Amino acid sequence: MERQTVEESDRKQRRDHIQEANGYRLPTEAEWEYAASGGQMSANYLYSGSNDANEVAWYWRNAGDQYLSGDWNWPAIENNHDRTQSVGSRKSNELGLYDMSGNVREWCWDWFEDTEYGSGLFRAVRGGGWMGDVVSSELTYRGKFEASGMGPDQGFRVVRNGD
């Protein structure tokens, strides 16, 4: 029998419960990347559904009233009313999925750190958000966010466990 602290045992119980909650869960990074890249129909785009970020992604330059230029600047972004945009207002990818690049950074089930203990400080996030630079919207970009954190451009989509 494996020895665990009470904290480790509680964390494992919570993790197992969440992972099996009503048959839905967060996608693993591998599942997220497969869906975002278009699966077997993939055209090997840089972003989900296009090589042109402005066709498929909302990021700090285009998520507000006007297209912004220059360097990333929070006061300019805030004054431009940058925000999360309605799902489906950009082009979908090859699987008909919208906003896999940009709009909100999507939580994944995986921990950012390579850990065998099933816990860590940061969860992996994928897809980039409206506050981020366009590079974070690339399919291969792997971001991290504090596991207990929240932010205005954080989001998630769920997958259903196969039974």
N, C-alpha and C. Protein backbone atom coordinates (compact mmCIF):
# COMPACT_ATOMS: atom_id res chain seq x y z
N MET A 1 0.84 -1.18 0.00
CA MET A 1 0.00 0.00 0.00
C MET A 1 0.88 1.24 0.00
N GLU A 2 0.54 2.19 -0.82
CA GLU A 2 1.29 3.43 -0.94
C GLU A 2 1.00 4.33 0.26
N ARG A 3 2.04 4.92 0.82
CA ARG A 3 1.87 5.84 1.94
C ARG A 3 1.62 7.24 1.40
N GLN A 4 0.60 7.91 1.97
CA GLN A 4 0.26 9.27 1.56
C GLN A 4 -0.06 10.09 2.80
N THR A 5 0.23 11.37 2.72
CA THR A 5 -0.22 12.26 3.78
C THR A 5 -1.72 12.46 3.63
N VAL A 6 -2.36 12.99 4.66
CA VAL A 6 -3.79 13.28 4.59
C VAL A 6 -4.06 14.27 3.46
N GLU A 7 -3.20 15.27 3.33
CA GLU A 7 -3.37 16.27 2.27
C GLU A 7 -3.31 15.62 0.89
N GLU A 8 -2.34 14.72 0.68
CA GLU A 8 -2.23 14.04 -0.61
C GLU A 8 -3.44 13.17 -0.89
N SER A 9 -3.93 12.49 0.13
CA SER A 9 -5.11 11.65 -0.03
C SER A 9 -6.34 12.48 -0.36
N ASP A 10 -6.53 13.60 0.34
CA ASP A 10 -7.66 14.50 0.06
C ASP A 10 -7.59 15.04 -1.36
N ARG A 11 -6.39 15.44 -1.76
CA ARG A 11 -6.20 16.00 -3.10
C ARG A 11 -6.52 14.94 -4.16
N LYS A 12 -6.08 13.70 -3.93
CA LYS A 12 -6.37 12.62 -4.88
C LYS A 12 -7.87 12.35 -4.96
N GLN A 13 -8.56 12.35 -3.83
CA GLN A 13 -10.01 12.13 -3.85
C GLN A 13 -10.72 13.24 -4.62
N ARG A 14 -10.32 14.48 -4.38
CA ARG A 14 -10.93 15.60 -5.11
C ARG A 14 -10.65 15.48 -6.60
N ARG A 15 -9.40 15.16 -6.94
CA ARG A 15 -9.03 15.02 -8.35
C ARG A 15 -9.85 13.92 -9.02
N ASP A 16 -9.95 12.77 -8.37
CA ASP A 16 -10.70 11.66 -8.95
C ASP A 16 -12.17 12.00 -9.09
N HIS A 17 -12.73 12.69 -8.12
CA HIS A 17 -14.14 13.08 -8.18
C HIS A 17 -14.37 14.07 -9.33
N ILE A 18 -13.51 15.07 -9.42
CA ILE A 18 -13.66 16.07 -10.48
C ILE A 18 -13.49 15.41 -11.84
N GLN A 19 -12.51 14.54 -11.96
CA GLN A 19 -12.23 13.90 -13.24
C GLN A 19 -13.42 13.10 -13.73
N GLU A 20 -14.22 12.59 -12.83
CA GLU A 20 -15.34 11.75 -13.22
C GLU A 20 -16.69 12.44 -13.02
N ALA A 21 -16.71 13.73 -12.78
CA ALA A 21 -17.94 14.47 -12.48
C ALA A 21 -18.92 14.40 -13.64
N ASN A 22 -19.99 13.65 -13.45
CA ASN A 22 -21.08 13.55 -14.43
C ASN A 22 -20.60 13.16 -15.83
N GLY A 23 -19.47 12.52 -15.93
CA GLY A 23 -18.98 12.09 -17.22
C GLY A 23 -18.25 13.17 -18.01
N TYR A 24 -18.13 14.38 -17.45
CA TYR A 24 -17.45 15.48 -18.13
C TYR A 24 -16.19 15.85 -17.36
N ARG A 25 -15.23 16.39 -18.09
CA ARG A 25 -13.96 16.79 -17.47
C ARG A 25 -13.26 17.77 -18.38
N LEU A 26 -12.16 18.33 -17.88
CA LEU A 26 -11.30 19.15 -18.72
C LEU A 26 -10.55 18.24 -19.68
N PRO A 27 -10.22 18.72 -20.87
CA PRO A 27 -9.43 17.89 -21.78
C PRO A 27 -7.98 17.82 -21.34
N THR A 28 -7.33 16.73 -21.67
CA THR A 28 -5.88 16.68 -21.50
C THR A 28 -5.28 17.60 -22.57
N GLU A 29 -4.01 17.93 -22.42
CA GLU A 29 -3.37 18.75 -23.45
C GLU A 29 -3.36 18.04 -24.79
N ALA A 30 -3.14 16.74 -24.79
CA ALA A 30 -3.12 15.99 -26.05
C ALA A 30 -4.49 16.05 -26.72
N GLU A 31 -5.56 15.89 -25.95
CA GLU A 31 -6.92 15.98 -26.52
C GLU A 31 -7.19 17.39 -27.04
N TRP A 32 -6.79 18.39 -26.26
CA TRP A 32 -7.01 19.78 -26.68
C TRP A 32 -6.28 20.04 -28.00
N GLU A 33 -5.01 19.65 -28.08
CA GLU A 33 -4.22 19.92 -29.28
C GLU A 33 -4.77 19.18 -30.50
N TYR A 34 -5.24 17.96 -30.31
CA TYR A 34 -5.82 17.20 -31.41
C TYR A 34 -7.05 17.93 -31.96
N ALA A 35 -7.94 18.35 -31.07
CA ALA A 35 -9.15 19.06 -31.50
C ALA A 35 -8.81 20.41 -32.11
N ALA A 36 -7.91 21.15 -31.49
CA ALA A 36 -7.56 22.49 -31.99
C ALA A 36 -6.88 22.43 -33.35
N SER A 37 -6.10 21.38 -33.59
CA SER A 37 -5.37 21.29 -34.85
C SER A 37 -6.21 20.73 -36.00
N GLY A 38 -7.44 20.34 -35.71
CA GLY A 38 -8.31 19.84 -36.77
C GLY A 38 -8.34 18.33 -36.87
N GLY A 39 -7.74 17.63 -35.91
CA GLY A 39 -7.78 16.17 -35.90
C GLY A 39 -7.22 15.58 -37.18
N GLN A 40 -7.87 14.56 -37.70
CA GLN A 40 -7.42 13.89 -38.91
C GLN A 40 -7.63 14.75 -40.15
N MET A 41 -8.41 15.81 -40.03
CA MET A 41 -8.66 16.71 -41.16
C MET A 41 -7.69 17.89 -41.16
N SER A 42 -6.68 17.85 -40.31
CA SER A 42 -5.76 18.96 -40.12
C SER A 42 -5.09 19.41 -41.41
N ALA A 43 -5.04 20.72 -41.58
CA ALA A 43 -4.31 21.32 -42.69
C ALA A 43 -2.98 21.90 -42.20
N ASN A 44 -2.59 21.54 -40.97
CA ASN A 44 -1.32 21.97 -40.38
C ASN A 44 -1.18 23.48 -40.31
N TYR A 45 -2.23 24.15 -39.88
CA TYR A 45 -2.18 25.60 -39.71
C TYR A 45 -1.39 25.97 -38.46
N LEU A 46 -0.95 27.22 -38.41
CA LEU A 46 -0.26 27.77 -37.25
C LEU A 46 -1.26 28.01 -36.11
N TYR A 47 -2.45 28.46 -36.47
CA TYR A 47 -3.53 28.70 -35.51
C TYR A 47 -4.65 27.70 -35.81
N SER A 48 -5.64 27.66 -34.97
CA SER A 48 -6.73 26.70 -35.15
C SER A 48 -7.64 27.12 -36.28
N GLY A 49 -7.39 26.59 -37.49
CA GLY A 49 -8.23 26.86 -38.65
C GLY A 49 -7.65 27.81 -39.67
N SER A 50 -6.46 28.36 -39.43
CA SER A 50 -5.89 29.31 -40.38
C SER A 50 -4.44 29.61 -40.02
N ASN A 51 -3.71 30.14 -41.01
CA ASN A 51 -2.38 30.68 -40.74
C ASN A 51 -2.46 32.17 -40.44
N ASP A 52 -3.63 32.76 -40.58
CA ASP A 52 -3.87 34.18 -40.30
C ASP A 52 -4.63 34.30 -38.98
N ALA A 53 -3.95 34.76 -37.95
CA ALA A 53 -4.57 34.86 -36.62
C ALA A 53 -5.83 35.71 -36.64
N ASN A 54 -5.87 36.75 -37.45
CA ASN A 54 -7.04 37.63 -37.45
C ASN A 54 -8.29 36.98 -38.03
N GLU A 55 -8.14 35.85 -38.71
CA GLU A 55 -9.31 35.10 -39.19
C GLU A 55 -9.95 34.25 -38.10
N VAL A 56 -9.13 33.82 -37.13
CA VAL A 56 -9.62 32.82 -36.17
C VAL A 56 -9.45 33.18 -34.70
N ALA A 57 -8.64 34.18 -34.38
CA ALA A 57 -8.28 34.42 -32.98
C ALA A 57 -8.58 35.85 -32.52
N TRP A 58 -8.96 35.95 -31.26
CA TRP A 58 -9.06 37.24 -30.58
C TRP A 58 -7.86 37.34 -29.65
N TYR A 59 -7.06 38.39 -29.79
CA TYR A 59 -5.91 38.62 -28.92
C TYR A 59 -5.83 40.13 -28.70
N TRP A 60 -4.85 40.61 -27.96
CA TRP A 60 -4.87 41.99 -27.47
C TRP A 60 -4.99 43.03 -28.58
N ARG A 61 -4.48 42.78 -29.75
CA ARG A 61 -4.53 43.78 -30.82
C ARG A 61 -5.93 43.93 -31.43
N ASN A 62 -6.73 42.84 -31.47
CA ASN A 62 -7.99 42.90 -32.22
C ASN A 62 -9.25 42.63 -31.38
N ALA A 63 -9.11 42.55 -30.06
CA ALA A 63 -10.25 42.17 -29.22
C ALA A 63 -11.03 43.36 -28.67
N GLY A 64 -10.81 44.53 -29.22
CA GLY A 64 -11.51 45.72 -28.73
C GLY A 64 -12.15 46.51 -29.84
N ASP A 65 -12.35 47.79 -29.58
CA ASP A 65 -13.04 48.67 -30.53
C ASP A 65 -12.24 48.90 -31.81
N GLN A 66 -10.91 48.98 -31.69
CA GLN A 66 -10.05 49.25 -32.84
C GLN A 66 -8.87 48.27 -32.82
N TYR A 67 -8.26 48.08 -33.98
CA TYR A 67 -7.05 47.28 -34.06
C TYR A 67 -5.91 48.09 -33.47
N LEU A 68 -5.20 47.54 -32.48
CA LEU A 68 -4.10 48.25 -31.83
C LEU A 68 -2.77 47.89 -32.47
N SER A 69 -1.85 48.85 -32.46
CA SER A 69 -0.50 48.60 -32.96
C SER A 69 0.48 48.97 -31.85
N GLY A 70 1.76 48.78 -32.12
CA GLY A 70 2.77 49.10 -31.11
C GLY A 70 2.97 47.94 -30.15
N ASP A 71 3.58 48.26 -29.01
CA ASP A 71 3.86 47.25 -28.00
C ASP A 71 2.66 47.03 -27.09
N TRP A 72 2.61 45.85 -26.47
CA TRP A 72 1.54 45.53 -25.52
C TRP A 72 1.52 46.60 -24.45
N ASN A 73 0.34 47.15 -24.18
CA ASN A 73 0.21 48.26 -23.24
C ASN A 73 -1.15 48.16 -22.57
N TRP A 74 -1.18 47.82 -21.26
CA TRP A 74 -2.45 47.60 -20.58
C TRP A 74 -3.38 48.81 -20.63
N PRO A 75 -2.93 50.04 -20.37
CA PRO A 75 -3.86 51.17 -20.46
C PRO A 75 -4.50 51.30 -21.86
N ALA A 76 -3.72 51.05 -22.91
CA ALA A 76 -4.28 51.12 -24.27
C ALA A 76 -5.31 50.01 -24.48
N ILE A 77 -5.02 48.82 -23.99
CA ILE A 77 -5.94 47.68 -24.11
C ILE A 77 -7.23 47.98 -23.37
N GLU A 78 -7.10 48.49 -22.15
CA GLU A 78 -8.28 48.81 -21.33
C GLU A 78 -9.11 49.92 -21.98
N ASN A 79 -8.45 50.96 -22.46
CA ASN A 79 -9.16 52.07 -23.12
C ASN A 79 -9.80 51.66 -24.44
N ASN A 80 -9.30 50.58 -25.03
CA ASN A 80 -9.84 50.07 -26.28
C ASN A 80 -11.02 49.12 -26.04
N HIS A 81 -11.35 48.91 -24.77
CA HIS A 81 -12.46 48.04 -24.38
C HIS A 81 -12.27 46.60 -24.86
N ASP A 82 -11.01 46.14 -24.83
CA ASP A 82 -10.75 44.74 -25.17
C ASP A 82 -11.50 43.85 -24.19
N ARG A 83 -12.01 42.73 -24.69
CA ARG A 83 -12.85 41.86 -23.87
C ARG A 83 -13.01 40.50 -24.55
N THR A 84 -13.59 39.57 -23.82
CA THR A 84 -13.95 38.28 -24.39
C THR A 84 -15.03 38.50 -25.43
N GLN A 85 -14.89 37.87 -26.57
CA GLN A 85 -15.83 38.03 -27.68
C GLN A 85 -16.80 36.85 -27.74
N SER A 86 -17.91 37.05 -28.43
CA SER A 86 -18.91 35.99 -28.59
C SER A 86 -18.31 34.80 -29.34
N VAL A 87 -18.60 33.62 -28.86
CA VAL A 87 -18.11 32.39 -29.50
C VAL A 87 -18.70 32.29 -30.91
N GLY A 88 -17.86 31.93 -31.85
CA GLY A 88 -18.32 31.73 -33.22
C GLY A 88 -18.28 32.97 -34.08
N SER A 89 -17.69 34.05 -33.58
CA SER A 89 -17.63 35.27 -34.39
C SER A 89 -16.38 35.31 -35.27
N ARG A 90 -15.56 34.31 -35.19
CA ARG A 90 -14.43 34.12 -36.10
C ARG A 90 -14.62 32.78 -36.80
N LYS A 91 -13.76 32.50 -37.76
CA LYS A 91 -13.82 31.27 -38.55
C LYS A 91 -13.54 30.04 -37.66
N SER A 92 -14.22 28.94 -37.94
CA SER A 92 -13.98 27.69 -37.20
C SER A 92 -12.78 26.95 -37.79
N ASN A 93 -12.37 25.91 -37.09
CA ASN A 93 -11.30 25.07 -37.63
C ASN A 93 -11.89 23.94 -38.47
N GLU A 94 -11.07 23.00 -38.88
CA GLU A 94 -11.50 21.92 -39.77
C GLU A 94 -12.57 21.02 -39.16
N LEU A 95 -12.65 20.99 -37.84
CA LEU A 95 -13.66 20.16 -37.15
C LEU A 95 -14.91 20.96 -36.79
N GLY A 96 -14.95 22.22 -37.21
CA GLY A 96 -16.10 23.06 -36.89
C GLY A 96 -16.05 23.64 -35.49
N LEU A 97 -14.88 23.61 -34.84
CA LEU A 97 -14.72 24.16 -33.50
C LEU A 97 -14.28 25.61 -33.58
N TYR A 98 -14.87 26.43 -32.75
CA TYR A 98 -14.58 27.86 -32.74
C TYR A 98 -13.71 28.24 -31.55
N ASP A 99 -12.93 29.29 -31.74
CA ASP A 99 -12.18 29.93 -30.66
C ASP A 99 -11.20 29.01 -29.94
N MET A 100 -10.63 28.08 -30.66
CA MET A 100 -9.57 27.26 -30.07
C MET A 100 -8.26 28.05 -30.03
N SER A 101 -8.15 29.07 -30.86
CA SER A 101 -7.04 30.02 -30.79
C SER A 101 -7.62 31.36 -30.36
N GLY A 102 -7.06 31.93 -29.31
CA GLY A 102 -7.50 33.24 -28.85
C GLY A 102 -8.81 33.22 -28.09
N ASN A 103 -9.24 34.40 -27.70
CA ASN A 103 -10.45 34.68 -26.92
C ASN A 103 -10.23 34.37 -25.45
N VAL A 104 -10.16 33.10 -25.05
CA VAL A 104 -9.81 32.76 -23.66
C VAL A 104 -8.77 31.66 -23.64
N ARG A 105 -7.87 31.75 -22.66
CA ARG A 105 -6.91 30.67 -22.42
C ARG A 105 -7.71 29.54 -21.79
N GLU A 106 -7.55 28.35 -22.31
CA GLU A 106 -8.37 27.23 -21.86
C GLU A 106 -7.60 26.31 -20.93
N TRP A 107 -8.20 26.07 -19.76
CA TRP A 107 -7.62 25.15 -18.79
C TRP A 107 -7.55 23.75 -19.39
N CYS A 108 -6.48 23.06 -19.10
CA CYS A 108 -6.35 21.64 -19.44
C CYS A 108 -6.19 20.86 -18.15
N TRP A 109 -6.47 19.58 -18.21
CA TRP A 109 -6.38 18.73 -17.03
C TRP A 109 -4.94 18.60 -16.55
N ASP A 110 -3.97 18.68 -17.45
CA ASP A 110 -2.57 18.44 -17.11
C ASP A 110 -1.99 19.55 -16.24
N TRP A 111 -1.07 19.13 -15.39
CA TRP A 111 -0.26 20.09 -14.65
C TRP A 111 0.82 20.60 -15.58
N PHE A 112 1.22 21.84 -15.42
CA PHE A 112 2.26 22.41 -16.27
C PHE A 112 3.60 21.74 -16.00
N GLU A 113 3.87 21.49 -14.73
CA GLU A 113 5.12 20.84 -14.35
C GLU A 113 5.04 19.36 -14.70
N ASP A 114 6.14 18.80 -15.06
CA ASP A 114 6.19 17.36 -15.30
C ASP A 114 6.24 16.69 -13.93
N THR A 115 5.10 16.19 -13.48
CA THR A 115 5.05 15.63 -12.13
C THR A 115 4.37 14.28 -12.12
N GLU A 116 4.88 13.40 -11.31
CA GLU A 116 4.26 12.08 -11.18
C GLU A 116 3.27 12.04 -10.02
N TYR A 117 3.14 13.13 -9.29
CA TYR A 117 2.30 13.14 -8.10
C TYR A 117 0.88 13.63 -8.36
N GLY A 118 0.57 14.04 -9.57
CA GLY A 118 -0.79 14.48 -9.87
C GLY A 118 -1.16 15.79 -9.23
N SER A 119 -0.17 16.63 -8.98
CA SER A 119 -0.45 17.95 -8.42
C SER A 119 0.70 18.88 -8.79
N GLY A 120 0.51 20.13 -8.53
CA GLY A 120 1.54 21.11 -8.82
C GLY A 120 1.03 22.50 -8.52
N LEU A 121 1.78 23.50 -8.92
CA LEU A 121 1.37 24.88 -8.70
C LEU A 121 0.59 25.44 -9.88
N PHE A 122 0.93 24.97 -11.08
CA PHE A 122 0.35 25.55 -12.29
C PHE A 122 -0.33 24.49 -13.15
N ARG A 123 -1.48 24.83 -13.68
CA ARG A 123 -2.15 24.00 -14.67
C ARG A 123 -1.73 24.50 -16.05
N ALA A 124 -1.72 23.61 -17.00
CA ALA A 124 -1.45 23.99 -18.39
C ALA A 124 -2.68 24.69 -18.95
N VAL A 125 -2.45 25.76 -19.70
CA VAL A 125 -3.51 26.44 -20.44
C VAL A 125 -3.10 26.51 -21.89
N ARG A 126 -4.07 26.42 -22.77
CA ARG A 126 -3.78 26.40 -24.20
C ARG A 126 -4.68 27.37 -24.94
N GLY A 127 -4.25 27.81 -26.10
CA GLY A 127 -5.08 28.59 -26.98
C GLY A 127 -4.91 30.09 -26.94
N GLY A 128 -4.36 30.62 -25.87
CA GLY A 128 -4.19 32.07 -25.77
C GLY A 128 -5.49 32.79 -25.48
N GLY A 129 -5.38 33.99 -24.94
CA GLY A 129 -6.56 34.78 -24.59
C GLY A 129 -6.51 36.16 -25.19
N TRP A 130 -7.59 36.90 -25.00
CA TRP A 130 -7.69 38.24 -25.59
C TRP A 130 -6.69 39.22 -25.00
N MET A 131 -6.16 38.95 -23.83
CA MET A 131 -5.16 39.84 -23.23
C MET A 131 -3.74 39.52 -23.69
N GLY A 132 -3.56 38.36 -24.30
CA GLY A 132 -2.23 37.89 -24.64
C GLY A 132 -1.77 38.28 -26.02
N ASP A 133 -0.49 38.02 -26.27
CA ASP A 133 0.10 38.27 -27.58
C ASP A 133 -0.32 37.16 -28.53
N VAL A 134 -0.22 37.43 -29.81
CA VAL A 134 -0.66 36.48 -30.83
C VAL A 134 0.09 35.15 -30.75
N VAL A 135 1.34 35.17 -30.31
CA VAL A 135 2.11 33.92 -30.22
C VAL A 135 1.44 32.93 -29.27
N SER A 136 0.75 33.41 -28.25
CA SER A 136 0.09 32.50 -27.31
C SER A 136 -1.15 31.83 -27.92
N SER A 137 -1.57 32.31 -29.09
CA SER A 137 -2.70 31.69 -29.80
C SER A 137 -2.26 30.59 -30.76
N GLU A 138 -0.95 30.42 -30.92
CA GLU A 138 -0.44 29.36 -31.80
C GLU A 138 -0.74 27.99 -31.19
N LEU A 139 -1.01 27.02 -32.05
CA LEU A 139 -1.38 25.69 -31.59
C LEU A 139 -0.32 25.03 -30.71
N THR A 140 0.94 25.34 -30.95
CA THR A 140 2.02 24.70 -30.20
C THR A 140 2.37 25.42 -28.90
N TYR A 141 1.78 26.59 -28.67
CA TYR A 141 2.11 27.35 -27.46
C TYR A 141 1.52 26.69 -26.23
N ARG A 142 2.33 26.55 -25.22
CA ARG A 142 1.91 25.93 -23.96
C ARG A 142 2.09 26.94 -22.85
N GLY A 143 0.99 27.38 -22.27
CA GLY A 143 1.04 28.35 -21.19
C GLY A 143 0.76 27.71 -19.85
N LYS A 144 0.92 28.51 -18.80
CA LYS A 144 0.61 28.02 -17.46
C LYS A 144 -0.15 29.10 -16.71
N PHE A 145 -0.92 28.66 -15.73
CA PHE A 145 -1.67 29.58 -14.89
C PHE A 145 -1.82 28.93 -13.53
N GLU A 146 -1.70 29.73 -12.48
CA GLU A 146 -1.82 29.21 -11.13
C GLU A 146 -3.10 28.40 -10.99
N ALA A 147 -2.98 27.19 -10.46
CA ALA A 147 -4.11 26.26 -10.40
C ALA A 147 -5.32 26.83 -9.66
N SER A 148 -5.09 27.69 -8.70
CA SER A 148 -6.21 28.27 -7.95
C SER A 148 -6.54 29.67 -8.45
N GLY A 149 -5.91 30.08 -9.54
CA GLY A 149 -6.08 31.44 -10.04
C GLY A 149 -7.30 31.62 -10.93
N MET A 150 -7.58 32.88 -11.21
CA MET A 150 -8.64 33.22 -12.16
C MET A 150 -8.24 34.51 -12.87
N GLY A 151 -8.82 34.73 -14.03
CA GLY A 151 -8.51 35.93 -14.79
C GLY A 151 -9.59 36.19 -15.82
N PRO A 152 -9.65 37.42 -16.31
CA PRO A 152 -10.71 37.78 -17.25
C PRO A 152 -10.62 37.09 -18.61
N ASP A 153 -9.46 36.54 -18.94
CA ASP A 153 -9.36 35.82 -20.21
C ASP A 153 -9.05 34.34 -19.98
N GLN A 154 -9.53 33.82 -18.87
CA GLN A 154 -9.43 32.39 -18.56
C GLN A 154 -10.76 31.73 -18.88
N GLY A 155 -10.72 30.54 -19.38
CA GLY A 155 -11.94 29.81 -19.67
C GLY A 155 -11.67 28.32 -19.77
N PHE A 156 -12.66 27.59 -20.16
CA PHE A 156 -12.50 26.15 -20.31
C PHE A 156 -13.58 25.62 -21.24
N ARG A 157 -13.32 24.48 -21.79
CA ARG A 157 -14.34 23.69 -22.48
C ARG A 157 -14.22 22.28 -21.92
N VAL A 158 -15.28 21.57 -21.95
CA VAL A 158 -15.26 20.23 -21.36
C VAL A 158 -15.33 19.17 -22.44
N VAL A 159 -14.85 18.00 -22.09
CA VAL A 159 -14.96 16.82 -22.94
C VAL A 159 -15.75 15.78 -22.15
N ARG A 160 -16.33 14.87 -22.86
CA ARG A 160 -17.10 13.81 -22.21
C ARG A 160 -16.28 12.53 -22.21
N ASN A 161 -16.24 11.88 -21.06
CA ASN A 161 -15.54 10.60 -20.97
C ASN A 161 -16.19 9.59 -21.89
N GLY A 162 -15.39 8.81 -22.58
CA GLY A 162 -15.92 7.75 -23.43
C GLY A 162 -16.28 6.54 -22.59
N ASP A 163 -17.47 6.07 -22.73
CA ASP A 163 -17.90 4.89 -21.95
C ASP A 163 -18.14 3.71 -22.86
